[in-house]
């Protein structure tokens, strides 16, 4: 697997249908399926382990685990102030991710 393919798969950040369809059209169904599964697993890990991450590493830890769609989990576990930080960071990741898809 090439580096750009890995970057595209990892840059889905919670947009299950969008990233998997874009990758499927540009690189094939196999990589699109891997992208879909990685997004679903990332969301499940965040859902189940966010409280443990908060207790172990602090309130900012679940931000790195979840994608853009994990806002409700982050708000519920970490509180409103952290949710605002999460919102700003997730939008920054969206802008950066757009650059990765242009490289494909």
PDB file of N, CA and C in Angstrom:
ATOM      1  N   UNK A   1       0.846  -1.168   0.000  1.00  0.00           N
ATOM      2  CA  UNK A   1       0.000   0.000   0.000  1.00  0.00           C
ATOM      3  C   UNK A   1       0.900   1.243   0.000  1.00  0.00           C
ATOM      4  N   UNK A   2       0.555   2.207  -0.826  1.00  0.00           N
ATOM      5  CA  UNK A   2       1.335   3.433  -0.928  1.00  0.00           C
ATOM      6  C   UNK A   2       1.015   4.389   0.218  1.00  0.00           C
ATOM      7  N   UNK A   3       1.912   5.322   0.442  1.00  0.00           N
ATOM      8  CA  UNK A   3       1.755   6.293   1.521  1.00  0.00           C
ATOM      9  C   UNK A   3       0.518   7.157   1.307  1.00  0.00           C
ATOM     10  N   UNK A   4       0.268   7.605   0.098  1.00  0.00           N
ATOM     11  CA  UNK A   4      -0.909   8.442  -0.165  1.00  0.00           C
ATOM     12  C   UNK A   4      -2.203   7.674   0.048  1.00  0.00           C
ATOM     13  N   UNK A   5      -2.210   6.385  -0.258  1.00  0.00           N
ATOM     14  CA  UNK A   5      -3.400   5.569   0.003  1.00  0.00           C
ATOM     15  C   UNK A   5      -3.661   5.478   1.499  1.00  0.00           C
ATOM     16  N   UNK A   6      -2.620   5.269   2.273  1.00  0.00           N
ATOM     17  CA  UNK A   6      -2.759   5.195   3.729  1.00  0.00           C
ATOM     18  C   UNK A   6      -3.235   6.516   4.303  1.00  0.00           C
ATOM     19  N   UNK A   7      -2.708   7.610   3.780  1.00  0.00           N
ATOM     20  CA  UNK A   7      -3.138   8.931   4.241  1.00  0.00           C
ATOM     21  C   UNK A   7      -4.606   9.176   3.913  1.00  0.00           C
ATOM     22  N   UNK A   8      -5.047   8.754   2.748  1.00  0.00           N
ATOM     23  CA  UNK A   8      -6.444   8.942   2.369  1.00  0.00           C
ATOM     24  C   UNK A   8      -7.369   8.115   3.254  1.00  0.00           C
ATOM     25  N   UNK A   9      -6.975   6.889   3.560  1.00  0.00           N
ATOM     26  CA  UNK A   9      -7.789   6.032   4.428  1.00  0.00           C
ATOM     27  C   UNK A   9      -7.871   6.626   5.829  1.00  0.00           C
ATOM     28  N   UNK A  10      -6.755   7.098   6.339  1.00  0.00           N
ATOM     29  CA  UNK A  10      -6.733   7.657   7.680  1.00  0.00           C
ATOM     30  C   UNK A  10      -7.382   9.019   7.798  1.00  0.00           C
ATOM     31  N   UNK A  11      -7.583   9.693   6.697  1.00  0.00           N
ATOM     32  CA  UNK A  11      -8.130  11.044   6.751  1.00  0.00           C
ATOM     33  C   UNK A  11      -9.651  11.077   6.699  1.00  0.00           C
ATOM     34  N   UNK A  12     -10.305   9.944   6.768  1.00  0.00           N
ATOM     35  CA  UNK A  12     -11.764   9.925   6.737  1.00  0.00           C
ATOM     36  C   UNK A  12     -12.382  10.647   7.905  1.00  0.00           C
ATOM     37  N   UNK A  13     -11.814  10.509   9.090  1.00  0.00           N
ATOM     38  CA  UNK A  13     -12.203  11.210  10.308  1.00  0.00           C
ATOM     39  C   UNK A  13     -13.706  11.219  10.586  1.00  0.00           C
ATOM     40  N   UNK A  14     -14.379  10.137  10.324  1.00  0.00           N
ATOM     41  CA  UNK A  14     -15.783  10.022  10.692  1.00  0.00           C
ATOM     42  C   UNK A  14     -16.771  10.183   9.558  1.00  0.00           C
ATOM     43  N   UNK A  15     -16.347  10.676   8.424  1.00  0.00           N
ATOM     44  CA  UNK A  15     -17.262  10.798   7.295  1.00  0.00           C
ATOM     45  C   UNK A  15     -17.289   9.464   6.555  1.00  0.00           C
ATOM     46  N   UNK A  16     -18.101   8.539   7.070  1.00  0.00           N
ATOM     47  CA  UNK A  16     -18.105   7.164   6.564  1.00  0.00           C
ATOM     48  C   UNK A  16     -18.417   7.100   5.079  1.00  0.00           C
ATOM     49  N   UNK A  17     -19.539   7.641   4.703  1.00  0.00           N
ATOM     50  CA  UNK A  17     -19.985   7.480   3.324  1.00  0.00           C
ATOM     51  C   UNK A  17     -19.164   8.314   2.355  1.00  0.00           C
ATOM     52  N   UNK A  18     -18.765   9.501   2.744  1.00  0.00           N
ATOM     53  CA  UNK A  18     -18.033  10.370   1.826  1.00  0.00           C
ATOM     54  C   UNK A  18     -16.639   9.837   1.527  1.00  0.00           C
ATOM     55  N   UNK A  19     -15.874   9.547   2.562  1.00  0.00           N
ATOM     56  CA  UNK A  19     -14.492   9.118   2.327  1.00  0.00           C
ATOM     57  C   UNK A  19     -14.429   7.761   1.635  1.00  0.00           C
ATOM     58  N   UNK A  20     -15.292   6.841   2.020  1.00  0.00           N
ATOM     59  CA  UNK A  20     -15.233   5.518   1.396  1.00  0.00           C
ATOM     60  C   UNK A  20     -15.657   5.565  -0.071  1.00  0.00           C
ATOM     61  N   UNK A  21     -16.615   6.398  -0.410  1.00  0.00           N
ATOM     62  CA  UNK A  21     -17.047   6.508  -1.809  1.00  0.00           C
ATOM     63  C   UNK A  21     -15.966   7.191  -2.649  1.00  0.00           C
ATOM     64  N   UNK A  22     -15.383   8.265  -2.116  1.00  0.00           N
ATOM     65  CA  UNK A  22     -14.328   8.958  -2.866  1.00  0.00           C
ATOM     66  C   UNK A  22     -13.127   8.046  -3.114  1.00  0.00           C
ATOM     67  N   UNK A  23     -12.745   7.307  -2.091  1.00  0.00           N
ATOM     68  CA  UNK A  23     -11.598   6.403  -2.241  1.00  0.00           C
ATOM     69  C   UNK A  23     -11.951   5.242  -3.161  1.00  0.00           C
ATOM     70  N   UNK A  24     -13.172   4.725  -3.073  1.00  0.00           N
ATOM     71  CA  UNK A  24     -13.593   3.633  -3.965  1.00  0.00           C
ATOM     72  C   UNK A  24     -13.547   4.057  -5.424  1.00  0.00           C
ATOM     73  N   UNK A  25     -13.996   5.273  -5.707  1.00  0.00           N
ATOM     74  CA  UNK A  25     -13.998   5.749  -7.092  1.00  0.00           C
ATOM     75  C   UNK A  25     -12.592   6.016  -7.619  1.00  0.00           C
ATOM     76  N   UNK A  26     -11.712   6.489  -6.746  1.00  0.00           N
ATOM     77  CA  UNK A  26     -10.390   6.840  -7.246  1.00  0.00           C
ATOM     78  C   UNK A  26      -9.373   5.708  -7.144  1.00  0.00           C
ATOM     79  N   UNK A  27      -9.511   4.828  -6.155  1.00  0.00           N
ATOM     80  CA  UNK A  27      -8.491   3.799  -5.929  1.00  0.00           C
ATOM     81  C   UNK A  27      -9.014   2.363  -5.925  1.00  0.00           C
ATOM     82  N   UNK A  28     -10.325   2.177  -5.939  1.00  0.00           N
ATOM     83  CA  UNK A  28     -10.857   0.827  -5.980  1.00  0.00           C
ATOM     84  C   UNK A  28     -11.679   0.478  -4.744  1.00  0.00           C
ATOM     85  N   UNK A  29     -12.473  -0.569  -4.905  1.00  0.00           N
ATOM     86  CA  UNK A  29     -13.400  -0.974  -3.854  1.00  0.00           C
ATOM     87  C   UNK A  29     -12.693  -1.500  -2.608  1.00  0.00           C
ATOM     88  N   UNK A  30     -11.543  -2.113  -2.780  1.00  0.00           N
ATOM     89  CA  UNK A  30     -10.825  -2.667  -1.621  1.00  0.00           C
ATOM     90  C   UNK A  30     -10.401  -1.564  -0.658  1.00  0.00           C
ATOM     91  N   UNK A  31      -9.784  -0.515  -1.181  1.00  0.00           N
ATOM     92  CA  UNK A  31      -9.371   0.583  -0.313  1.00  0.00           C
ATOM     93  C   UNK A  31     -10.566   1.352   0.231  1.00  0.00           C
ATOM     94  N   UNK A  32     -11.640   1.444  -0.538  1.00  0.00           N
ATOM     95  CA  UNK A  32     -12.860   2.079  -0.044  1.00  0.00           C
ATOM     96  C   UNK A  32     -13.464   1.324   1.125  1.00  0.00           C
ATOM     97  N   UNK A  33     -13.438  -0.002   1.050  1.00  0.00           N
ATOM     98  CA  UNK A  33     -13.940  -0.827   2.152  1.00  0.00           C
ATOM     99  C   UNK A  33     -13.066  -0.701   3.394  1.00  0.00           C
ATOM    100  N   UNK A  34     -11.764  -0.636   3.192  1.00  0.00           N
ATOM    101  CA  UNK A  34     -10.853  -0.441   4.328  1.00  0.00           C
ATOM    102  C   UNK A  34     -11.111   0.911   4.981  1.00  0.00           C
ATOM    103  N   UNK A  35     -11.363   1.921   4.177  1.00  0.00           N
ATOM    104  CA  UNK A  35     -11.663   3.247   4.704  1.00  0.00           C
ATOM    105  C   UNK A  35     -12.949   3.237   5.532  1.00  0.00           C
ATOM    106  N   UNK A  36     -13.969   2.580   5.024  1.00  0.00           N
ATOM    107  CA  UNK A  36     -15.236   2.485   5.750  1.00  0.00           C
ATOM    108  C   UNK A  36     -15.055   1.787   7.089  1.00  0.00           C
ATOM    109  N   UNK A  37     -14.357   0.661   7.085  1.00  0.00           N
ATOM    110  CA  UNK A  37     -14.159  -0.085   8.332  1.00  0.00           C
ATOM    111  C   UNK A  37     -13.301   0.692   9.330  1.00  0.00           C
ATOM    112  N   UNK A  38     -12.289   1.400   8.856  1.00  0.00           N
ATOM    113  CA  UNK A  38     -11.456   2.169   9.787  1.00  0.00           C
ATOM    114  C   UNK A  38     -12.244   3.300  10.429  1.00  0.00           C
ATOM    115  N   UNK A  39     -13.148   3.924   9.670  1.00  0.00           N
ATOM    116  CA  UNK A  39     -13.994   4.976  10.245  1.00  0.00           C
ATOM    117  C   UNK A  39     -14.970   4.418  11.270  1.00  0.00           C
ATOM    118  N   UNK A  40     -15.566   3.283  10.973  1.00  0.00           N
ATOM    119  CA  UNK A  40     -16.510   2.675  11.919  1.00  0.00           C
ATOM    120  C   UNK A  40     -15.792   2.236  13.189  1.00  0.00           C
ATOM    121  N   UNK A  41     -14.624   1.619  13.043  1.00  0.00           N
ATOM    122  CA  UNK A  41     -13.868   1.192  14.230  1.00  0.00           C
ATOM    123  C   UNK A  41     -13.400   2.385  15.057  1.00  0.00           C
ATOM    124  N   UNK A  42     -12.995   3.458  14.416  1.00  0.00           N
ATOM    125  CA  UNK A  42     -12.582   4.662  15.144  1.00  0.00           C
ATOM    126  C   UNK A  42     -13.743   5.202  15.976  1.00  0.00           C
ATOM    127  N   UNK A  43     -14.918   5.231  15.399  1.00  0.00           N
ATOM    128  CA  UNK A  43     -16.097   5.722  16.122  1.00  0.00           C
ATOM    129  C   UNK A  43     -16.458   4.806  17.291  1.00  0.00           C
ATOM    130  N   UNK A  44     -16.399   3.510  17.078  1.00  0.00           N
ATOM    131  CA  UNK A  44     -16.708   2.569  18.166  1.00  0.00           C
ATOM    132  C   UNK A  44     -15.695   2.642  19.300  1.00  0.00           C
ATOM    133  N   UNK A  45     -14.434   2.771  18.956  1.00  0.00           N
ATOM    134  CA  UNK A  45     -13.402   2.901  19.986  1.00  0.00           C
ATOM    135  C   UNK A  45     -13.635   4.160  20.807  1.00  0.00           C
ATOM    136  N   UNK A  46     -13.977   5.248  20.139  1.00  0.00           N
ATOM    137  CA  UNK A  46     -14.259   6.485  20.859  1.00  0.00           C
ATOM    138  C   UNK A  46     -15.477   6.334  21.755  1.00  0.00           C
ATOM    139  N   UNK A  47     -16.513   5.695  21.246  1.00  0.00           N
ATOM    140  CA  UNK A  47     -17.742   5.515  22.020  1.00  0.00           C
ATOM    141  C   UNK A  47     -17.490   4.720  23.290  1.00  0.00           C
ATOM    142  N   UNK A  48     -16.770   3.632  23.176  1.00  0.00           N
ATOM    143  CA  UNK A  48     -16.589   2.751  24.324  1.00  0.00           C
ATOM    144  C   UNK A  48     -15.453   3.175  25.256  1.00  0.00           C
ATOM    145  N   UNK A  49     -14.415   3.808  24.724  1.00  0.00           N
ATOM    146  CA  UNK A  49     -13.243   4.089  25.540  1.00  0.00           C
ATOM    147  C   UNK A  49     -13.049   5.559  25.900  1.00  0.00           C
ATOM    148  N   UNK A  50     -13.963   6.445  25.513  1.00  0.00           N
ATOM    149  CA  UNK A  50     -13.821   7.863  25.852  1.00  0.00           C
ATOM    150  C   UNK A  50     -13.755   8.099  27.361  1.00  0.00           C
ATOM    151  N   UNK A  51     -14.602   7.479  28.174  1.00  0.00           N
ATOM    152  CA  UNK A  51     -14.469   7.710  29.623  1.00  0.00           C
ATOM    153  C   UNK A  51     -13.125   7.241  30.185  1.00  0.00           C
ATOM    154  N   UNK A  52     -12.614   6.144  29.663  1.00  0.00           N
ATOM    155  CA  UNK A  52     -11.316   5.641  30.123  1.00  0.00           C
ATOM    156  C   UNK A  52     -10.198   6.588  29.679  1.00  0.00           C
ATOM    157  N   UNK A  53     -10.294   7.096  28.457  1.00  0.00           N
ATOM    158  CA  UNK A  53      -9.295   8.040  27.965  1.00  0.00           C
ATOM    159  C   UNK A  53      -9.287   9.320  28.802  1.00  0.00           C
ATOM    160  N   UNK A  54     -10.472   9.791  29.197  1.00  0.00           N
ATOM    161  CA  UNK A  54     -10.550  10.994  30.019  1.00  0.00           C
ATOM    162  C   UNK A  54      -9.909  10.763  31.378  1.00  0.00           C
ATOM    163  N   UNK A  55     -10.218   9.637  32.003  1.00  0.00           N
ATOM    164  CA  UNK A  55      -9.637   9.340  33.316  1.00  0.00           C
ATOM    165  C   UNK A  55      -8.131   9.143  33.250  1.00  0.00           C
ATOM    166  N   UNK A  56      -7.655   8.528  32.183  1.00  0.00           N
ATOM    167  CA  UNK A  56      -6.232   8.201  32.090  1.00  0.00           C
ATOM    168  C   UNK A  56      -5.383   9.371  31.598  1.00  0.00           C
ATOM    169  N   UNK A  57      -5.823  10.051  30.538  1.00  0.00           N
ATOM    170  CA  UNK A  57      -4.984  11.048  29.881  1.00  0.00           C
ATOM    171  C   UNK A  57      -5.495  12.478  29.992  1.00  0.00           C
ATOM    172  N   UNK A  58      -6.691  12.697  30.492  1.00  0.00           N
ATOM    173  CA  UNK A  58      -7.236  14.044  30.617  1.00  0.00           C
ATOM    174  C   UNK A  58      -8.370  14.295  29.640  1.00  0.00           C
ATOM    175  N   UNK A  59      -8.997  15.474  29.787  1.00  0.00           N
ATOM    176  CA  UNK A  59     -10.202  15.778  29.019  1.00  0.00           C
ATOM    177  C   UNK A  59      -9.972  15.971  27.528  1.00  0.00           C
ATOM    178  N   UNK A  60      -8.763  16.245  27.118  1.00  0.00           N
ATOM    179  CA  UNK A  60      -8.497  16.447  25.690  1.00  0.00           C
ATOM    180  C   UNK A  60      -8.205  15.147  24.944  1.00  0.00           C
ATOM    181  N   UNK A  61      -8.018  14.056  25.644  1.00  0.00           N
ATOM    182  CA  UNK A  61      -7.626  12.793  25.008  1.00  0.00           C
ATOM    183  C   UNK A  61      -8.646  12.247  24.008  1.00  0.00           C
ATOM    184  N   UNK A  62      -9.953  12.274  24.273  1.00  0.00           N
ATOM    185  CA  UNK A  62     -10.889  11.717  23.275  1.00  0.00           C
ATOM    186  C   UNK A  62     -10.937  12.475  21.961  1.00  0.00           C
ATOM    187  N   UNK A  63     -10.444  13.707  21.947  1.00  0.00           N
ATOM    188  CA  UNK A  63     -10.443  14.471  20.698  1.00  0.00           C
ATOM    189  C   UNK A  63      -9.594  13.766  19.652  1.00  0.00           C
ATOM    190  N   UNK A  64      -8.473  13.219  20.066  1.00  0.00           N
ATOM    191  CA  UNK A  64      -7.599  12.549  19.102  1.00  0.00           C
ATOM    192  C   UNK A  64      -8.139  11.197  18.665  1.00  0.00           C
ATOM    193  N   UNK A  65      -8.989  10.584  19.458  1.00  0.00           N
ATOM    194  CA  UNK A  65      -9.514   9.263  19.119  1.00  0.00           C
ATOM    195  C   UNK A  65     -10.681   9.331  18.144  1.00  0.00           C
ATOM    196  N   UNK A  66     -11.549  10.302  18.319  1.00  0.00           N
ATOM    197  CA  UNK A  66     -12.762  10.362  17.512  1.00  0.00           C
ATOM    198  C   UNK A  66     -12.591  11.188  16.266  1.00  0.00           C
ATOM    199  N   UNK A  67     -13.516  10.985  15.347  1.00  0.00           N
ATOM    200  CA  UNK A  67     -13.544  11.797  14.144  1.00  0.00           C
ATOM    201  C   UNK A  67     -14.468  12.980  14.321  1.00  0.00           C
ATOM    202  N   UNK A  68     -14.792  13.623  13.247  1.00  0.00           N
ATOM    203  CA  UNK A  68     -15.635  14.807  13.275  1.00  0.00           C
ATOM    204  C   UNK A  68     -17.032  14.472  13.800  1.00  0.00           C
ATOM    205  N   UNK A  69     -17.499  13.292  13.588  1.00  0.00           N
ATOM    206  CA  UNK A  69     -18.857  12.929  13.990  1.00  0.00           C
ATOM    207  C   UNK A  69     -18.974  12.493  15.444  1.00  0.00           C
ATOM    208  N   UNK A  70     -17.912  12.576  16.203  1.00  0.00           N
ATOM    209  CA  UNK A  70     -17.932  12.162  17.611  1.00  0.00           C
ATOM    210  C   UNK A  70     -18.272  13.303  18.554  1.00  0.00           C
ATOM    211  N   UNK A  71     -18.811  14.380  18.041  1.00  0.00           N
ATOM    212  CA  UNK A  71     -19.072  15.566  18.850  1.00  0.00           C
ATOM    213  C   UNK A  71     -19.994  15.265  20.027  1.00  0.00           C
ATOM    214  N   UNK A  72     -21.032  14.489  19.840  1.00  0.00           N
ATOM    215  CA  UNK A  72     -21.958  14.197  20.932  1.00  0.00           C
ATOM    216  C   UNK A  72     -21.286  13.384  22.039  1.00  0.00           C
ATOM    217  N   UNK A  73     -20.410  12.486  21.662  1.00  0.00           N
ATOM    218  CA  UNK A  73     -19.679  11.687  22.657  1.00  0.00           C
ATOM    219  C   UNK A  73     -18.734  12.589  23.446  1.00  0.00           C
ATOM    220  N   UNK A  74     -18.014  13.452  22.760  1.00  0.00           N
ATOM    221  CA  UNK A  74     -17.061  14.347  23.408  1.00  0.00           C
ATOM    222  C   UNK A  74     -17.792  15.295  24.353  1.00  0.00           C
ATOM    223  N   UNK A  75     -18.906  15.859  23.914  1.00  0.00           N
ATOM    224  CA  UNK A  75     -19.672  16.788  24.748  1.00  0.00           C
ATOM    225  C   UNK A  75     -20.199  16.099  25.994  1.00  0.00           C
ATOM    226  N   UNK A  76     -20.678  14.875  25.851  1.00  0.00           N
ATOM    227  CA  UNK A  76     -21.230  14.153  26.985  1.00  0.00           C
ATOM    228  C   UNK A  76     -20.184  13.737  28.004  1.00  0.00           C
ATOM    229  N   UNK A  77     -19.011  13.367  27.554  1.00  0.00           N
ATOM    230  CA  UNK A  77     -17.976  12.867  28.452  1.00  0.00           C
ATOM    231  C   UNK A  77     -17.102  13.998  28.999  1.00  0.00           C
ATOM    232  N   UNK A  78     -16.772  14.964  28.151  1.00  0.00           N
ATOM    233  CA  UNK A  78     -15.780  15.978  28.532  1.00  0.00           C
ATOM    234  C   UNK A  78     -16.376  17.318  28.950  1.00  0.00           C
ATOM    235  N   UNK A  79     -17.567  17.632  28.506  1.00  0.00           N
ATOM    236  CA  UNK A  79     -18.167  18.917  28.858  1.00  0.00           C
ATOM    237  C   UNK A  79     -18.180  19.897  27.702  1.00  0.00           C
ATOM    238  N   UNK A  80     -18.860  21.027  27.925  1.00  0.00           N
ATOM    239  CA  UNK A  80     -19.095  22.001  26.867  1.00  0.00           C
ATOM    240  C   UNK A  80     -17.867  22.741  26.392  1.00  0.00           C
ATOM    241  N   UNK A  81     -16.964  23.127  27.306  1.00  0.00           N
ATOM    242  CA  UNK A  81     -15.776  23.893  26.907  1.00  0.00           C
ATOM    243  C   UNK A  81     -14.877  23.049  26.004  1.00  0.00           C
ATOM    244  N   UNK A  82     -14.693  21.802  26.349  1.00  0.00           N
ATOM    245  CA  UNK A  82     -13.876  20.908  25.525  1.00  0.00           C
ATOM    246  C   UNK A  82     -14.557  20.674  24.181  1.00  0.00           C
ATOM    247  N   UNK A  83     -15.884  20.664  24.156  1.00  0.00           N
ATOM    248  CA  UNK A  83     -16.605  20.471  22.901  1.00  0.00           C
ATOM    249  C   UNK A  83     -16.343  21.612  21.929  1.00  0.00           C
ATOM    250  N   UNK A  84     -16.199  22.828  22.429  1.00  0.00           N
ATOM    251  CA  UNK A  84     -15.885  23.963  21.558  1.00  0.00           C
ATOM    252  C   UNK A  84     -14.482  23.806  20.979  1.00  0.00           C
ATOM    253  N   UNK A  85     -13.528  23.411  21.806  1.00  0.00           N
ATOM    254  CA  UNK A  85     -12.164  23.152  21.320  1.00  0.00           C
ATOM    255  C   UNK A  85     -12.196  22.056  20.264  1.00  0.00           C
ATOM    256  N   UNK A  86     -12.982  21.025  20.529  1.00  0.00           N
ATOM    257  CA  UNK A  86     -13.117  19.908  19.587  1.00  0.00           C
ATOM    258  C   UNK A  86     -13.683  20.385  18.253  1.00  0.00           C
ATOM    259  N   UNK A  87     -14.667  21.260  18.308  1.00  0.00           N
ATOM    260  CA  UNK A  87     -15.284  21.768  17.087  1.00  0.00           C
ATOM    261  C   UNK A  87     -14.262  22.514  16.231  1.00  0.00           C
ATOM    262  N   UNK A  88     -13.453  23.359  16.848  1.00  0.00           N
ATOM    263  CA  UNK A  88     -12.430  24.112  16.109  1.00  0.00           C
ATOM    264  C   UNK A  88     -11.397  23.160  15.507  1.00  0.00           C
ATOM    265  N   UNK A  89     -10.936  22.194  16.293  1.00  0.00           N
ATOM    266  CA  UNK A  89      -9.939  21.246  15.790  1.00  0.00           C
ATOM    267  C   UNK A  89     -10.493  20.360  14.680  1.00  0.00           C
ATOM    268  N   UNK A  90     -11.751  19.943  14.811  1.00  0.00           N
ATOM    269  CA  UNK A  90     -12.319  19.075  13.782  1.00  0.00           C
ATOM    270  C   UNK A  90     -12.481  19.817  12.460  1.00  0.00           C
ATOM    271  N   UNK A  91     -12.837  21.082  12.505  1.00  0.00           N
ATOM    272  CA  UNK A  91     -12.943  21.853  11.263  1.00  0.00           C
ATOM    273  C   UNK A  91     -11.566  22.079  10.637  1.00  0.00           C
ATOM    274  N   UNK A  92     -10.542  22.236  11.469  1.00  0.00           N
ATOM    275  CA  UNK A  92      -9.179  22.353  10.954  1.00  0.00           C
ATOM    276  C   UNK A  92      -8.767  21.060  10.251  1.00  0.00           C
ATOM    277  N   UNK A  93      -9.110  19.917  10.855  1.00  0.00           N
ATOM    278  CA  UNK A  93      -8.800  18.626  10.235  1.00  0.00           C
ATOM    279  C   UNK A  93      -9.532  18.466   8.913  1.00  0.00           C
ATOM    280  N   UNK A  94     -10.763  18.985   8.821  1.00  0.00           N
ATOM    281  CA  UNK A  94     -11.508  18.907   7.561  1.00  0.00           C
ATOM    282  C   UNK A  94     -10.773  19.641   6.449  1.00  0.00           C
ATOM    283  N   UNK A  95     -10.250  20.808   6.761  1.00  0.00           N
ATOM    284  CA  UNK A  95      -9.522  21.588   5.757  1.00  0.00           C
ATOM    285  C   UNK A  95      -8.250  20.860   5.334  1.00  0.00           C
ATOM    286  N   UNK A  96      -7.524  20.313   6.304  1.00  0.00           N
ATOM    287  CA  UNK A  96      -6.302  19.581   5.982  1.00  0.00           C
ATOM    288  C   UNK A  96      -6.589  18.311   5.189  1.00  0.00           C
ATOM    289  N   UNK A  97      -7.696  17.646   5.511  1.00  0.00           N
ATOM    290  CA  UNK A  97      -8.050  16.405   4.829  1.00  0.00           C
ATOM    291  C   UNK A  97      -8.375  16.676   3.357  1.00  0.00           C
ATOM    292  N   UNK A  98      -8.961  17.821   3.083  1.00  0.00           N
ATOM    293  CA  UNK A  98      -9.287  18.144   1.698  1.00  0.00           C
ATOM    294  C   UNK A  98      -8.037  18.161   0.835  1.00  0.00           C
ATOM    295  N   UNK A  99      -6.916  18.589   1.395  1.00  0.00           N
ATOM    296  CA  UNK A  99      -5.653  18.575   0.663  1.00  0.00           C
ATOM    297  C   UNK A  99      -5.180  17.172   0.339  1.00  0.00           C
ATOM    298  N   UNK A 100      -5.438  16.211   1.223  1.00  0.00           N
ATOM    299  CA  UNK A 100      -5.031  14.830   0.968  1.00  0.00           C
ATOM    300  C   UNK A 100      -5.806  14.244  -0.206  1.00  0.00           C
ATOM    301  N   UNK A 101      -7.109  14.535  -0.290  1.00  0.00           N
ATOM    302  CA  UNK A 101      -7.908  13.984  -1.385  1.00  0.00           C
ATOM    303  C   UNK A 101      -7.524  14.599  -2.731  1.00  0.00           C
ATOM    304  N   UNK A 102      -6.995  15.810  -2.721  1.00  0.00           N
ATOM    305  CA  UNK A 102      -6.542  16.411  -3.980  1.00  0.00           C
ATOM    306  C   UNK A 102      -5.251  15.753  -4.463  1.00  0.00           C
ATOM    307  N   UNK A 103      -4.490  15.137  -3.566  1.00  0.00           N
ATOM    308  CA  UNK A 103      -3.264  14.460  -3.950  1.00  0.00           C
ATOM    309  C   UNK A 103      -3.507  13.118  -4.634  1.00  0.00           C
ATOM    310  N   UNK A 104      -4.702  12.557  -4.457  1.00  0.00           N
ATOM    311  CA  UNK A 104      -4.990  11.236  -5.032  1.00  0.00           C
ATOM    312  C   UNK A 104      -4.977  11.269  -6.517  1.00  0.00           C
TER     313      UNK A 104
END
